[in-house]
Amino acid sequence: MSVQETEGWVSNAYLYDKGNIPAVSLDNNTADLAFQGAGKFNDQPVESLPYQGLGYTTIQIYWLAVEGSGIESTADLSGKNVFPIQPGFGTRLLTETILKEADMWNDIQPVNVDVGDVPGAIAEDRIDAFATYGVNGKSLVSWGQQIDVNADVYAIEMGPTFEKAVDNVGGARKVEIEPYGWDQDVTKLTDKVTSWSLDGQLRFGSEVPKDVVHEILSVLHDHVDTVEEADSNTLPYGEVDTFSASYLPDQPIHPGAAAFLKENDAWNDDWKVGDVST
């Protein structure tokens, strides 16, 4: 097995479709758009996608407001200066998609700066609210840590309009979490926030043998302590449901992954299994 560096998740979809690589990582928003032929894939569709295999990252995005802004929920974002994450990021694409689905995009004043410039923009009163995220329930993203050091902020609640939009966007997964990774107390309004999670999956094409994928999942599950020693931010693969938590219900699953889940009594009969050539 060899690892190939690419330009990102969207690029991976096209690389697989052209037959350049048999297994790729894809975020669920990209996978959903490609499957539906929507967004960028409306003009440049792909003919095939690799099968779902296992989740490897969960980016849990949520809203915070700057002290003194008066914002208490997403219902208060209208007319405010809002940082919906840096343009070009997959997390920005998903956040912007949800805001547009909620018919809120034209009501806010988007602030388009690099993530490293956010603390300065907050200090200059150019940002009232912002989206940031934690990874795999374990660590706050590094630029969020810089905000933590330099600004007084707090988590806000997700209003019903935004929440309904999250439910309607296929690439988002709604998860309630306690904000983690902050040194300051960001829970003055709410102890928990509703995040719109962007999940990343490792996906495998039909040319990848069933036994190979089965072995990958088995090794991660059986040697989870070793995996966590190598990467403290890894997902908890000791829990079998971790592998399938990010599955999209309308896309097929690699037979190797399906076999592993069935062996461990974690299979859902509503899921579809793809075909393999070997």
Protein backbone atom coordinates (compact mmCIF):
# COMPACT_ATOMS: atom_id res chain seq x y z
CA MET A 1 0.00 0.00 0.00
CA SER A 2 1.25 3.47 -0.85
CA VAL A 3 -0.07 6.86 0.25
CA GLN A 4 -0.61 9.61 -2.30
CA GLU A 5 -0.80 13.30 -1.43
CA THR A 6 -3.65 15.10 -3.21
CA GLU A 7 -5.21 18.54 -3.38
CA GLY A 8 -8.08 17.65 -1.06
CA TRP A 9 -11.43 15.95 -0.80
CA VAL A 10 -13.00 17.29 -4.01
CA SER A 11 -9.86 16.37 -5.93
CA ASN A 12 -10.04 12.86 -4.46
CA ALA A 13 -13.49 12.30 -5.92
CA TYR A 14 -12.23 13.11 -9.41
CA LEU A 15 -9.02 11.08 -8.96
CA TYR A 16 -11.05 8.02 -8.06
CA ASP A 17 -13.53 8.57 -10.90
CA LYS A 18 -10.65 8.71 -13.40
CA GLY A 19 -9.25 5.43 -12.11
CA ASN A 20 -6.11 7.02 -10.72
CA ILE A 21 -6.45 5.69 -7.18
CA PRO A 22 -8.45 2.76 -5.68
CA ALA A 23 -9.13 4.18 -2.22
CA VAL A 24 -9.55 7.77 -1.07
CA SER A 25 -10.63 9.92 1.84
CA LEU A 26 -13.78 11.96 1.28
CA ASP A 27 -15.78 14.21 3.55
CA ASN A 28 -19.49 13.49 3.64
CA ASN A 29 -20.47 16.86 2.19
CA THR A 30 -18.33 16.28 -0.90
CA ALA A 31 -19.59 12.69 -1.15
CA ASP A 32 -23.21 13.80 -0.88
CA LEU A 33 -22.80 16.54 -3.50
CA ALA A 34 -21.00 14.15 -5.85
CA PHE A 35 -23.65 11.46 -5.37
CA GLN A 36 -26.45 13.97 -6.06
CA GLY A 37 -24.61 15.69 -8.92
CA ALA A 38 -25.00 19.01 -7.11
CA GLY A 39 -22.77 21.99 -6.43
CA LYS A 40 -19.46 21.73 -8.28
CA PHE A 41 -20.49 18.28 -9.45
CA ASN A 42 -23.47 19.68 -11.33
CA ASP A 43 -21.15 21.03 -14.04
CA GLN A 44 -18.42 18.41 -13.60
CA PRO A 45 -20.14 15.19 -12.49
CA VAL A 46 -18.43 11.95 -11.56
CA GLU A 47 -19.65 8.60 -12.83
CA SER A 48 -18.72 6.61 -9.74
CA LEU A 49 -17.76 6.95 -6.10
CA PRO A 50 -15.86 4.48 -3.91
CA TYR A 51 -17.84 2.55 -1.33
CA GLN A 52 -18.14 3.75 2.24
CA GLY A 53 -15.57 2.13 4.50
CA LEU A 54 -14.97 3.75 7.87
CA GLY A 55 -15.08 7.13 9.50
CA TYR A 56 -11.68 8.56 10.41
CA THR A 57 -12.44 12.12 11.50
CA THR A 58 -15.37 14.08 12.89
CA ILE A 59 -15.14 17.86 12.74
CA GLN A 60 -17.74 19.25 15.16
CA ILE A 61 -18.60 22.81 14.10
CA TYR A 62 -20.60 25.21 16.26
CA TRP A 63 -21.29 28.90 16.83
CA LEU A 64 -19.78 31.27 19.36
CA ALA A 65 -20.29 34.97 19.91
CA VAL A 66 -17.98 37.73 21.10
CA GLU A 67 -18.59 39.18 24.54
CA GLY A 68 -20.67 42.35 24.23
CA SER A 69 -22.29 41.36 20.91
CA GLY A 70 -25.67 40.63 22.51
CA ILE A 71 -26.04 37.45 20.46
CA GLU A 72 -27.71 34.51 22.20
CA SER A 73 -28.63 32.20 19.33
CA THR A 74 -28.42 31.86 15.56
CA ALA A 75 -31.70 33.78 15.40
CA ASP A 76 -29.69 36.88 16.41
CA LEU A 77 -27.12 36.67 13.60
CA SER A 78 -29.09 38.84 11.17
CA GLY A 79 -27.18 42.03 10.41
CA LYS A 80 -24.13 40.87 12.38
CA ASN A 81 -20.53 40.49 11.23
CA VAL A 82 -20.15 36.72 11.05
CA PHE A 83 -17.07 34.60 10.35
CA PRO A 84 -18.41 31.40 8.74
CA ILE A 85 -14.87 29.94 8.55
CA GLN A 86 -12.18 30.72 5.97
CA PRO A 87 -13.16 30.57 2.29
CA GLY A 88 -11.81 27.45 0.61
CA PHE A 89 -12.13 25.24 3.69
CA GLY A 90 -14.47 22.24 3.52
CA THR A 91 -15.93 23.41 6.83
CA ARG A 92 -16.70 26.79 5.25
CA LEU A 93 -18.45 25.14 2.30
CA LEU A 94 -20.68 23.15 4.63
CA THR A 95 -21.41 26.11 6.92
CA GLU A 96 -22.22 28.37 3.98
CA THR A 97 -24.46 25.68 2.46
CA ILE A 98 -26.43 25.42 5.70
CA LEU A 99 -26.76 29.20 6.04
CA LYS A 100 -28.12 29.36 2.49
CA GLU A 101 -30.48 26.45 3.15
CA ALA A 102 -31.76 28.37 6.19
CA ASP A 103 -32.20 31.50 4.02
CA MET A 104 -29.83 33.34 6.36
CA TRP A 105 -26.85 33.98 4.09
CA ASN A 106 -28.10 37.29 2.72
CA ASP A 107 -29.03 38.50 6.21
CA ILE A 108 -25.54 38.30 7.71
CA GLN A 109 -22.38 40.23 6.93
CA PRO A 110 -19.84 37.49 6.11
CA VAL A 111 -16.29 38.26 7.22
CA ASN A 112 -13.81 36.63 4.85
CA VAL A 113 -10.40 36.45 6.51
CA ASP A 114 -7.84 33.72 7.09
CA VAL A 115 -8.30 31.75 10.30
CA GLY A 116 -5.06 33.19 11.68
CA ASP A 117 -6.46 36.71 11.36
CA VAL A 118 -9.62 36.04 13.37
CA PRO A 119 -8.27 37.10 16.81
CA GLY A 120 -7.16 40.43 15.35
CA ALA A 121 -10.48 40.95 13.59
CA ILE A 122 -12.29 40.30 16.88
CA ALA A 123 -10.04 42.79 18.68
CA GLU A 124 -10.87 45.38 16.01
CA ASP A 125 -14.63 44.75 16.46
CA ARG A 126 -14.93 43.36 12.94
CA ILE A 127 -16.41 40.01 14.05
CA ASP A 128 -19.48 39.58 16.26
CA ALA A 129 -19.90 35.82 15.93
CA PHE A 130 -17.96 32.96 14.39
CA ALA A 131 -18.02 29.25 13.71
CA THR A 132 -15.16 27.10 14.92
CA TYR A 133 -14.74 23.42 15.67
CA GLY A 134 -13.25 20.61 17.65
CA VAL A 135 -11.91 17.38 16.20
CA ASN A 136 -13.01 13.88 17.22
CA GLY A 137 -14.32 15.09 20.56
CA LYS A 138 -10.75 15.58 21.79
CA SER A 139 -9.11 18.84 20.70
CA LEU A 140 -10.04 22.38 19.72
CA VAL A 141 -8.64 23.42 16.36
CA SER A 142 -5.41 25.44 16.70
CA TRP A 143 -6.86 28.74 15.50
CA GLY A 144 -9.70 28.31 17.98
CA GLN A 145 -7.05 28.03 20.68
CA GLN A 146 -5.66 31.40 19.56
CA ILE A 147 -9.11 32.94 19.89
CA ASP A 148 -9.33 31.43 23.37
CA VAL A 149 -6.14 33.22 24.41
CA ASN A 150 -6.99 36.57 22.88
CA ALA A 151 -10.75 37.15 23.15
CA ASP A 152 -13.69 36.70 25.50
CA VAL A 153 -16.26 34.52 23.74
CA TYR A 154 -19.16 32.20 24.55
CA ALA A 155 -21.15 29.45 22.86
CA ILE A 156 -24.62 30.25 21.54
CA GLU A 157 -27.66 28.12 20.89
CA MET A 158 -28.76 26.81 17.51
CA GLY A 159 -32.15 28.27 16.63
CA PRO A 160 -34.89 26.17 14.97
CA THR A 161 -34.43 27.66 11.49
CA PHE A 162 -30.72 26.86 11.39
CA GLU A 163 -31.31 23.45 12.98
CA LYS A 164 -33.87 22.53 10.34
CA ALA A 165 -31.38 23.52 7.66
CA VAL A 166 -28.75 21.23 9.20
CA ASP A 167 -31.25 18.36 8.99
CA ASN A 168 -31.88 19.16 5.33
CA VAL A 169 -28.23 19.20 4.22
CA GLY A 170 -27.14 15.67 3.40
CA GLY A 171 -23.46 16.12 4.22
CA ALA A 172 -24.03 17.38 7.77
CA ARG A 173 -24.58 15.30 10.90
CA LYS A 174 -26.22 16.95 13.89
CA VAL A 175 -24.55 16.13 17.20
CA GLU A 176 -24.99 17.68 20.64
CA ILE A 177 -21.67 18.20 22.42
CA GLU A 178 -20.13 20.00 25.36
CA PRO A 179 -17.62 22.57 24.03
CA TYR A 180 -14.15 21.15 24.66
CA GLY A 181 -10.60 22.44 24.49
CA TRP A 182 -11.32 25.91 25.90
CA ASP A 183 -9.40 27.38 28.85
CA GLN A 184 -12.04 30.04 29.39
CA ASP A 185 -15.62 29.20 30.31
CA VAL A 186 -17.66 29.49 27.11
CA THR A 187 -20.84 28.02 28.62
CA LYS A 188 -22.47 31.06 30.23
CA LEU A 189 -25.58 30.63 28.01
CA THR A 190 -25.59 26.90 27.41
CA ASP A 191 -23.64 23.91 28.74
CA LYS A 192 -24.09 22.07 25.45
CA VAL A 193 -24.16 23.12 21.83
CA THR A 194 -25.64 21.51 18.76
CA SER A 195 -22.89 21.03 16.20
CA TRP A 196 -23.11 20.35 12.51
CA SER A 197 -20.43 17.70 12.10
CA LEU A 198 -18.41 17.25 8.94
CA ASP A 199 -17.35 13.62 8.86
CA GLY A 200 -14.45 12.26 6.86
CA GLN A 201 -14.44 8.67 5.65
CA LEU A 202 -11.91 6.31 4.15
CA ARG A 203 -13.59 4.86 1.08
CA PHE A 204 -12.63 1.87 -1.00
CA GLY A 205 -13.34 1.05 -4.63
CA SER A 206 -14.73 -2.21 -5.97
CA GLU A 207 -11.20 -3.25 -6.97
CA VAL A 208 -10.08 -3.33 -3.33
CA PRO A 209 -10.56 -6.92 -2.08
CA LYS A 210 -13.10 -7.62 0.62
CA ASP A 211 -10.46 -9.27 2.84
CA VAL A 212 -8.21 -6.20 2.72
CA VAL A 213 -10.89 -3.82 3.96
CA HIS A 214 -12.04 -6.32 6.58
CA GLU A 215 -8.47 -6.56 7.87
CA ILE A 216 -8.07 -2.77 8.08
CA LEU A 217 -11.14 -2.42 10.29
CA SER A 218 -10.16 -5.44 12.37
CA VAL A 219 -6.65 -4.13 13.03
CA LEU A 220 -7.96 -0.73 14.09
CA HIS A 221 -10.47 -2.36 16.42
CA ASP A 222 -8.19 -5.03 17.89
CA HIS A 223 -5.17 -2.76 18.35
CA VAL A 224 -6.90 0.47 19.34
CA ASP A 225 -4.42 1.13 22.18
CA THR A 226 -1.51 1.13 19.75
CA VAL A 227 -3.43 3.36 17.34
CA GLU A 228 -4.22 5.86 20.11
CA GLU A 229 -0.58 5.91 21.22
CA ALA A 230 0.38 6.90 17.69
CA ASP A 231 -2.38 9.53 17.41
CA SER A 232 -4.09 10.76 20.56
CA ASN A 233 -6.81 12.42 18.47
CA THR A 234 -7.91 9.23 16.75
CA LEU A 235 -11.52 8.10 16.93
CA PRO A 236 -12.42 5.46 19.56
CA TYR A 237 -12.18 2.38 17.34
CA GLY A 238 -12.58 0.13 20.34
CA GLU A 239 -16.28 0.94 19.98
CA VAL A 240 -17.55 -0.84 16.87
CA ASP A 241 -20.23 1.77 16.10
CA THR A 242 -17.43 4.32 15.55
CA PHE A 243 -16.68 2.78 12.16
CA SER A 244 -20.19 3.36 10.84
CA ALA A 245 -21.28 6.51 12.69
CA SER A 246 -20.58 8.64 9.63
CA TYR A 247 -22.28 6.40 7.03
CA LEU A 248 -24.58 8.16 4.58
CA PRO A 249 -27.80 6.12 4.37
CA ASP A 250 -28.21 6.29 0.59
CA GLN A 251 -24.69 5.19 -0.43
CA PRO A 252 -23.38 1.61 -0.55
CA ILE A 253 -20.85 0.14 1.88
CA HIS A 254 -17.80 -1.89 0.93
CA PRO A 255 -18.40 -5.64 1.46
CA GLY A 256 -15.28 -5.89 3.65
CA ALA A 257 -16.62 -3.25 6.02
CA ALA A 258 -20.04 -4.87 5.94
CA ALA A 259 -18.56 -8.25 6.88
CA PHE A 260 -16.70 -6.74 9.84
CA LEU A 261 -19.80 -4.97 11.12
CA LYS A 262 -21.95 -8.08 10.75
CA GLU A 263 -19.41 -10.14 12.68
CA ASN A 264 -19.59 -7.62 15.50
CA ASP A 265 -23.40 -7.33 15.58
CA ALA A 266 -23.25 -3.73 14.39
CA TRP A 267 -24.94 -4.07 11.01
CA ASN A 268 -28.07 -2.18 10.00
CA ASP A 269 -30.24 -4.09 7.52
CA ASP A 270 -31.29 -0.80 5.91
CA TRP A 271 -27.75 -0.29 4.62
CA LYS A 272 -26.76 -1.33 1.11
CA VAL A 273 -23.68 -3.40 0.28
CA GLY A 274 -21.66 -2.76 -2.86
CA ASP A 275 -20.11 -5.35 -5.19
CA VAL A 276 -16.40 -6.13 -5.49
CA SER A 277 -14.46 -7.63 -8.35
CA THR A 278 -12.24 -9.80 -6.14
